[in-house]
C-alpha atoms as a PDB file:
ATOM      1  CA  MET A   1      23.673-111.121 -25.494  1.00  0.00           C
ATOM      2  CA  ASN A   2      26.602-108.771 -25.969  1.00  0.00           C
ATOM      3  CA  VAL A   3      26.460-105.156 -27.112  1.00  0.00           C
ATOM      4  CA  LEU A   4      27.202-106.024 -30.753  1.00  0.00           C
ATOM      5  CA  ASP A   5      24.384-108.592 -30.812  1.00  0.00           C
ATOM      6  CA  GLN A   6      21.989-106.035 -29.297  1.00  0.00           C
ATOM      7  CA  THR A   7      23.020-103.446 -31.892  1.00  0.00           C
ATOM      8  CA  ASP A   8      22.539-105.955 -34.718  1.00  0.00           C
ATOM      9  CA  ALA A   9      19.095-106.847 -33.364  1.00  0.00           C
ATOM     10  CA  MET A  10      18.135-103.165 -33.224  1.00  0.00           C
ATOM     11  CA  LEU A  11      19.345-102.561 -36.778  1.00  0.00           C
ATOM     12  CA  ASP A  12      17.468-105.606 -38.070  1.00  0.00           C
ATOM     13  CA  ALA A  13      14.219-104.549 -36.397  1.00  0.00           C
ATOM     14  CA  PRO A  14      12.169-102.857 -39.115  1.00  0.00           C
ATOM     15  CA  THR A  15      10.558 -99.570 -38.249  1.00  0.00           C
ATOM     16  CA  ARG A  16       8.078 -97.869 -40.521  1.00  0.00           C
ATOM     17  CA  ARG A  17       7.587 -94.290 -41.523  1.00  0.00           C
ATOM     18  CA  ARG A  18       4.119 -92.818 -41.717  1.00  0.00           C
ATOM     19  CA  CYS A  19       3.729 -94.008 -45.320  1.00  0.00           C
ATOM     20  CA  GLY A  20       4.708 -97.598 -44.469  1.00  0.00           C
ATOM     21  CA  VAL A  21       8.225 -97.600 -45.924  1.00  0.00           C
ATOM     22  CA  PHE A  22      10.795 -99.342 -43.759  1.00  0.00           C
ATOM     23  CA  VAL A  23      13.296 -96.907 -42.292  1.00  0.00           C
ATOM     24  CA  CYS A  24      15.857 -99.551 -41.496  1.00  0.00           C
ATOM     25  CA  ARG A  25      16.111-103.154 -42.612  1.00  0.00           C
ATOM     26  CA  HIS A  26      19.137-105.352 -41.954  1.00  0.00           C
ATOM     27  CA  GLY A  27      21.231-102.331 -41.008  1.00  0.00           C
ATOM     28  CA  VAL A  28      20.613-100.432 -44.260  1.00  0.00           C
ATOM     29  CA  PRO A  29      18.862 -97.119 -43.555  1.00  0.00           C
ATOM     30  CA  ALA A  30      16.260 -95.679 -45.882  1.00  0.00           C
ATOM     31  CA  ARG A  31      17.305 -92.673 -47.921  1.00  0.00           C
ATOM     32  CA  LEU A  32      17.280 -89.488 -45.860  1.00  0.00           C
ATOM     33  CA  GLU A  33      15.451 -87.601 -48.598  1.00  0.00           C
ATOM     34  CA  HIS A  34      12.513 -90.026 -48.451  1.00  0.00           C
ATOM     35  CA  ASP A  35       9.250 -88.105 -48.815  1.00  0.00           C
ATOM     36  CA  CYS A  36       6.180 -89.724 -47.218  1.00  0.00           C
ATOM     37  CA  ASP A  37       3.792 -87.330 -49.004  1.00  0.00           C
ATOM     38  CA  TYR A  38       5.243 -88.293 -52.391  1.00  0.00           C
ATOM     39  CA  THR A  39       5.070 -91.999 -51.500  1.00  0.00           C
ATOM     40  CA  ASP A  40       1.431 -91.652 -50.479  1.00  0.00           C
ATOM     41  CA  ALA A  41       0.640 -89.747 -53.681  1.00  0.00           C
ATOM     42  CA  ARG A  42       2.446 -92.292 -55.863  1.00  0.00           C
ATOM     43  CA  ASP A  43       0.685 -95.209 -54.157  1.00  0.00           C
ATOM     44  CA  SER A  44      -2.692 -93.583 -54.806  1.00  0.00           C
ATOM     45  CA  LEU A  45      -1.891 -93.525 -58.548  1.00  0.00           C
ATOM     46  CA  ILE A  46      -1.455 -97.304 -58.874  1.00  0.00           C
ATOM     47  CA  PRO A  47      -5.122 -98.037 -59.739  1.00  0.00           C
ATOM     48  CA  TYR A  48      -5.019 -95.429 -62.525  1.00  0.00           C
ATOM     49  CA  ALA A  49      -1.844 -96.888 -64.024  1.00  0.00           C
ATOM     50  CA  GLU A  50      -3.411-100.369 -63.830  1.00  0.00           C
ATOM     51  CA  GLN A  51      -6.506 -99.162 -65.701  1.00  0.00           C
ATOM     52  CA  MET A  52      -4.396 -97.467 -68.377  1.00  0.00           C
ATOM     53  CA  ALA A  53      -2.186-100.523 -68.873  1.00  0.00           C
ATOM     54  CA  THR A  54      -5.258-102.755 -69.122  1.00  0.00           C
ATOM     55  CA  ALA A  55      -6.796-100.426 -71.708  1.00  0.00           C
ATOM     56  CA  ASP A  56      -3.533-100.356 -73.684  1.00  0.00           C
ATOM     57  CA  THR A  57      -3.403-104.161 -73.863  1.00  0.00           C
ATOM     58  CA  ALA A  58      -7.125-104.829 -74.354  1.00  0.00           C
ATOM     59  CA  GLY A  59      -6.701-105.841 -78.005  1.00  0.00           C
ATOM     60  CA  MET A  60      -3.989-108.421 -77.279  1.00  0.00           C
ATOM     61  CA  GLN A  61      -6.136-111.394 -76.241  1.00  0.00           C
ATOM     62  CA  SER A  62      -4.700-113.474 -79.083  1.00  0.00           C
ATOM     63  CA  TRP A  63      -1.126-112.920 -77.875  1.00  0.00           C
ATOM     64  CA  PRO A  64       0.560-115.629 -75.776  1.00  0.00           C
ATOM     65  CA  ASP A  65       0.052-115.019 -72.035  1.00  0.00           C
ATOM     66  CA  ASP A  66       3.710-114.311 -71.267  1.00  0.00           C
ATOM     67  CA  GLU A  67       4.028-111.745 -74.062  1.00  0.00           C
ATOM     68  CA  ARG A  68       0.744-110.073 -73.106  1.00  0.00           C
ATOM     69  CA  GLN A  69       1.840-109.922 -69.449  1.00  0.00           C
ATOM     70  CA  ARG A  70       5.225-108.502 -70.409  1.00  0.00           C
ATOM     71  CA  LYS A  71       3.521-105.810 -72.521  1.00  0.00           C
ATOM     72  CA  TRP A  72       1.078-105.021 -69.689  1.00  0.00           C
ATOM     73  CA  ASP A  73       4.008-104.660 -67.261  1.00  0.00           C
ATOM     74  CA  GLN A  74       5.792-102.313 -69.657  1.00  0.00           C
ATOM     75  CA  ARG A  75       2.695-100.168 -70.078  1.00  0.00           C
ATOM     76  CA  PHE A  76       2.010-100.133 -66.321  1.00  0.00           C
ATOM     77  CA  HIS A  77       5.544 -98.905 -65.560  1.00  0.00           C
ATOM     78  CA  TYR A  78       5.340 -96.355 -68.365  1.00  0.00           C
ATOM     79  CA  HIS A  79       2.118 -94.900 -66.966  1.00  0.00           C
ATOM     80  CA  MET A  80       3.386 -94.994 -63.351  1.00  0.00           C
ATOM     81  CA  ASP A  81       6.495 -93.088 -64.382  1.00  0.00           C
ATOM     82  CA  ARG A  82       4.427 -90.412 -66.129  1.00  0.00           C
ATOM     83  CA  LEU A  83       1.915 -90.119 -63.278  1.00  0.00           C
ATOM     84  CA  ALA A  84       4.721 -90.038 -60.706  1.00  0.00           C
ATOM     85  CA  GLU A  85       6.418 -87.191 -62.584  1.00  0.00           C
ATOM     86  CA  ALA A  86       3.213 -85.188 -62.305  1.00  0.00           C
ATOM     87  CA  ALA A  87       2.875 -86.000 -58.586  1.00  0.00           C
ATOM     88  CA  ARG A  88       6.508 -85.063 -57.986  1.00  0.00           C
ATOM     89  CA  ALA A  89       6.041 -81.759 -59.796  1.00  0.00           C
ATOM     90  CA  MET A  90       2.896 -80.944 -57.833  1.00  0.00           C
ATOM     91  CA  LEU A  91       4.585 -81.711 -54.507  1.00  0.00           C
ATOM     92  CA  GLY A  92       7.901 -80.127 -55.452  1.00  0.00           C
ATOM     93  CA  SER A  93       9.607 -83.394 -54.539  1.00  0.00           C
ATOM     94  CA  GLU A  94      12.916 -84.714 -55.851  1.00  0.00           C
ATOM     95  CA  PRO A  95      13.041 -88.199 -57.443  1.00  0.00           C
END
């Protein structure tokens, strides 16, 4: 194996930060401003956003499955964005 092959192998080897995000994958480094505390906080908010999206779509049982799922996805992302803004503000983190 030559030096270029060894370098490619090293760049392709995923390494994780404390929060589990890959630092490097296929030679593309993670953003330098990555914030593990923010990532941990955002991940902890997922169950809340799921509950809110489920509550928002509770009255849509008569809708076709694909439309109901699309609406649930929209509501989940809406709530995650709002919760993440609050987490970012509390941590003083940039988006």
